[in-house]
C-alpha cells in the first residue's frame, strides 16, 4: 500500500508547473518514485530526455508541496 508521504509527492508531481503527464511519467520512471524525484538534484533531472533545465528551473517550489498537502487533507475529509 502507498504511504501518505508517497501520495503527497505523487500529487505534488502532478502539480508541477510546465510538467504534464508525459514528463511526470519520465521523471517518475527515471527516479523510481515520486519521493525520489523531489530528492534528486535538479541538474540530473534536467538531463532526462524531454525535461531540460528550463522546465526544471522553477518547477520545484515549496508552494507545490503546500498545495499537495492541502489536497491530501481534502481527500482525508471526504
C-alpha atoms as a PDB file:
ATOM      1  CA  UNK A   1       0.000   0.000   0.000  1.00  0.00           C
ATOM      2  CA  UNK A   2       1.183   3.503  -0.796  1.00  0.00           C
ATOM      3  CA  UNK A   3       2.350   5.626   2.134  1.00  0.00           C
ATOM      4  CA  UNK A   4       0.899   9.055   2.786  1.00  0.00           C
ATOM      5  CA  UNK A   5       4.300  10.574   2.022  1.00  0.00           C
ATOM      6  CA  UNK A   6       4.418   8.877  -1.392  1.00  0.00           C
ATOM      7  CA  UNK A   7       0.851  10.031  -2.089  1.00  0.00           C
ATOM      8  CA  UNK A   8       1.795  13.600  -1.137  1.00  0.00           C
ATOM      9  CA  UNK A   9       4.758  13.538  -3.510  1.00  0.00           C
ATOM     10  CA  UNK A  10       2.723  11.969  -6.337  1.00  0.00           C
ATOM     11  CA  UNK A  11       0.168  14.749  -6.042  1.00  0.00           C
ATOM     12  CA  UNK A  12       2.956  17.342  -5.921  1.00  0.00           C
ATOM     13  CA  UNK A  13       4.464  15.807  -9.062  1.00  0.00           C
ATOM     14  CA  UNK A  14       1.135  16.262 -10.831  1.00  0.00           C
ATOM     15  CA  UNK A  15       1.048  19.930  -9.761  1.00  0.00           C
ATOM     16  CA  UNK A  16       4.492  20.930 -11.049  1.00  0.00           C
ATOM     17  CA  UNK A  17       4.264  23.874 -13.452  1.00  0.00           C
ATOM     18  CA  UNK A  18       5.207  23.108 -17.063  1.00  0.00           C
ATOM     19  CA  UNK A  19       5.200  19.376 -16.289  1.00  0.00           C
ATOM     20  CA  UNK A  20       2.413  17.384 -17.894  1.00  0.00           C
ATOM     21  CA  UNK A  21       1.685  13.676 -17.573  1.00  0.00           C
ATOM     22  CA  UNK A  22       4.349  12.585 -20.082  1.00  0.00           C
ATOM     23  CA  UNK A  23       7.170  14.486 -18.362  1.00  0.00           C
ATOM     24  CA  UNK A  24       5.891  13.492 -14.913  1.00  0.00           C
ATOM     25  CA  UNK A  25       5.981   9.847 -16.003  1.00  0.00           C
ATOM     26  CA  UNK A  26       9.533  10.291 -17.334  1.00  0.00           C
ATOM     27  CA  UNK A  27      10.649  11.819 -14.027  1.00  0.00           C
ATOM     28  CA  UNK A  28       8.933   9.065 -12.048  1.00  0.00           C
ATOM     29  CA  UNK A  29      10.363   6.298 -14.235  1.00  0.00           C
ATOM     30  CA  UNK A  30      13.865   7.716 -14.077  1.00  0.00           C
ATOM     31  CA  UNK A  31      13.873   8.196 -10.301  1.00  0.00           C
ATOM     32  CA  UNK A  32      11.776   5.182  -9.274  1.00  0.00           C
ATOM     33  CA  UNK A  33       9.342   7.010  -7.008  1.00  0.00           C
ATOM     34  CA  UNK A  34       7.724  10.393  -6.594  1.00  0.00           C
ATOM     35  CA  UNK A  35       9.673  10.958  -3.388  1.00  0.00           C
ATOM     36  CA  UNK A  36      12.922  10.310  -5.242  1.00  0.00           C
ATOM     37  CA  UNK A  37      12.001  12.866  -7.906  1.00  0.00           C
ATOM     38  CA  UNK A  38      11.915  15.573  -5.234  1.00  0.00           C
ATOM     39  CA  UNK A  39      15.165  14.377  -3.633  1.00  0.00           C
ATOM     40  CA  UNK A  40      17.116  14.184  -6.904  1.00  0.00           C
ATOM     41  CA  UNK A  41      19.418  17.033  -7.885  1.00  0.00           C
ATOM     42  CA  UNK A  42      17.864  19.406 -10.410  1.00  0.00           C
ATOM     43  CA  UNK A  43      20.940  19.158 -12.625  1.00  0.00           C
ATOM     44  CA  UNK A  44      20.388  15.405 -13.021  1.00  0.00           C
ATOM     45  CA  UNK A  45      16.646  15.782 -13.597  1.00  0.00           C
ATOM     46  CA  UNK A  46      17.345  18.333 -16.324  1.00  0.00           C
ATOM     47  CA  UNK A  47      19.319  15.690 -18.239  1.00  0.00           C
ATOM     48  CA  UNK A  48      16.307  13.395 -18.586  1.00  0.00           C
ATOM     49  CA  UNK A  49      15.169  13.399 -22.228  1.00  0.00           C
ATOM     50  CA  UNK A  50      12.327  15.858 -22.739  1.00  0.00           C
ATOM     51  CA  UNK A  51      12.852  17.621 -19.422  1.00  0.00           C
ATOM     52  CA  UNK A  52      15.692  20.123 -19.790  1.00  0.00           C
ATOM     53  CA  UNK A  53      16.945  22.837 -17.439  1.00  0.00           C
ATOM     54  CA  UNK A  54      14.311  25.472 -18.232  1.00  0.00           C
ATOM     55  CA  UNK A  55      11.435  23.176 -17.290  1.00  0.00           C
ATOM     56  CA  UNK A  56      13.093  22.131 -14.033  1.00  0.00           C
ATOM     57  CA  UNK A  57      14.435  25.533 -13.003  1.00  0.00           C
ATOM     58  CA  UNK A  58      11.274  26.839 -11.340  1.00  0.00           C
ATOM     59  CA  UNK A  59       9.241  23.651 -11.049  1.00  0.00           C
ATOM     60  CA  UNK A  60      10.193  22.573  -7.545  1.00  0.00           C
ATOM     61  CA  UNK A  61       8.915  25.107  -5.066  1.00  0.00           C
ATOM     62  CA  UNK A  62       7.615  24.947  -1.526  1.00  0.00           C
ATOM     63  CA  UNK A  63       4.214  26.103  -2.754  1.00  0.00           C
ATOM     64  CA  UNK A  64       3.826  22.912  -4.815  1.00  0.00           C
ATOM     65  CA  UNK A  65       4.230  20.811  -1.683  1.00  0.00           C
ATOM     66  CA  UNK A  66       1.852  23.094   0.236  1.00  0.00           C
ATOM     67  CA  UNK A  67      -0.800  22.732  -2.463  1.00  0.00           C
ATOM     68  CA  UNK A  68      -0.310  18.974  -2.494  1.00  0.00           C
ATOM     69  CA  UNK A  69      -0.671  18.810   1.295  1.00  0.00           C
ATOM     70  CA  UNK A  70      -3.945  20.729   1.085  1.00  0.00           C
ATOM     71  CA  UNK A  71      -5.263  18.227  -1.460  1.00  0.00           C
ATOM     72  CA  UNK A  72      -4.302  15.306   0.779  1.00  0.00           C
ATOM     73  CA  UNK A  73      -6.218  16.965   3.645  1.00  0.00           C
ATOM     74  CA  UNK A  74      -9.268  17.415   1.432  1.00  0.00           C
ATOM     75  CA  UNK A  75      -9.137  13.730   0.485  1.00  0.00           C
ATOM     76  CA  UNK A  76      -8.915  12.691   4.121  1.00  0.00           C
ATOM     77  CA  UNK A  77     -12.038  14.696   4.952  1.00  0.00           C
ATOM     78  CA  UNK A  78     -14.060  13.122   2.149  1.00  0.00           C
END
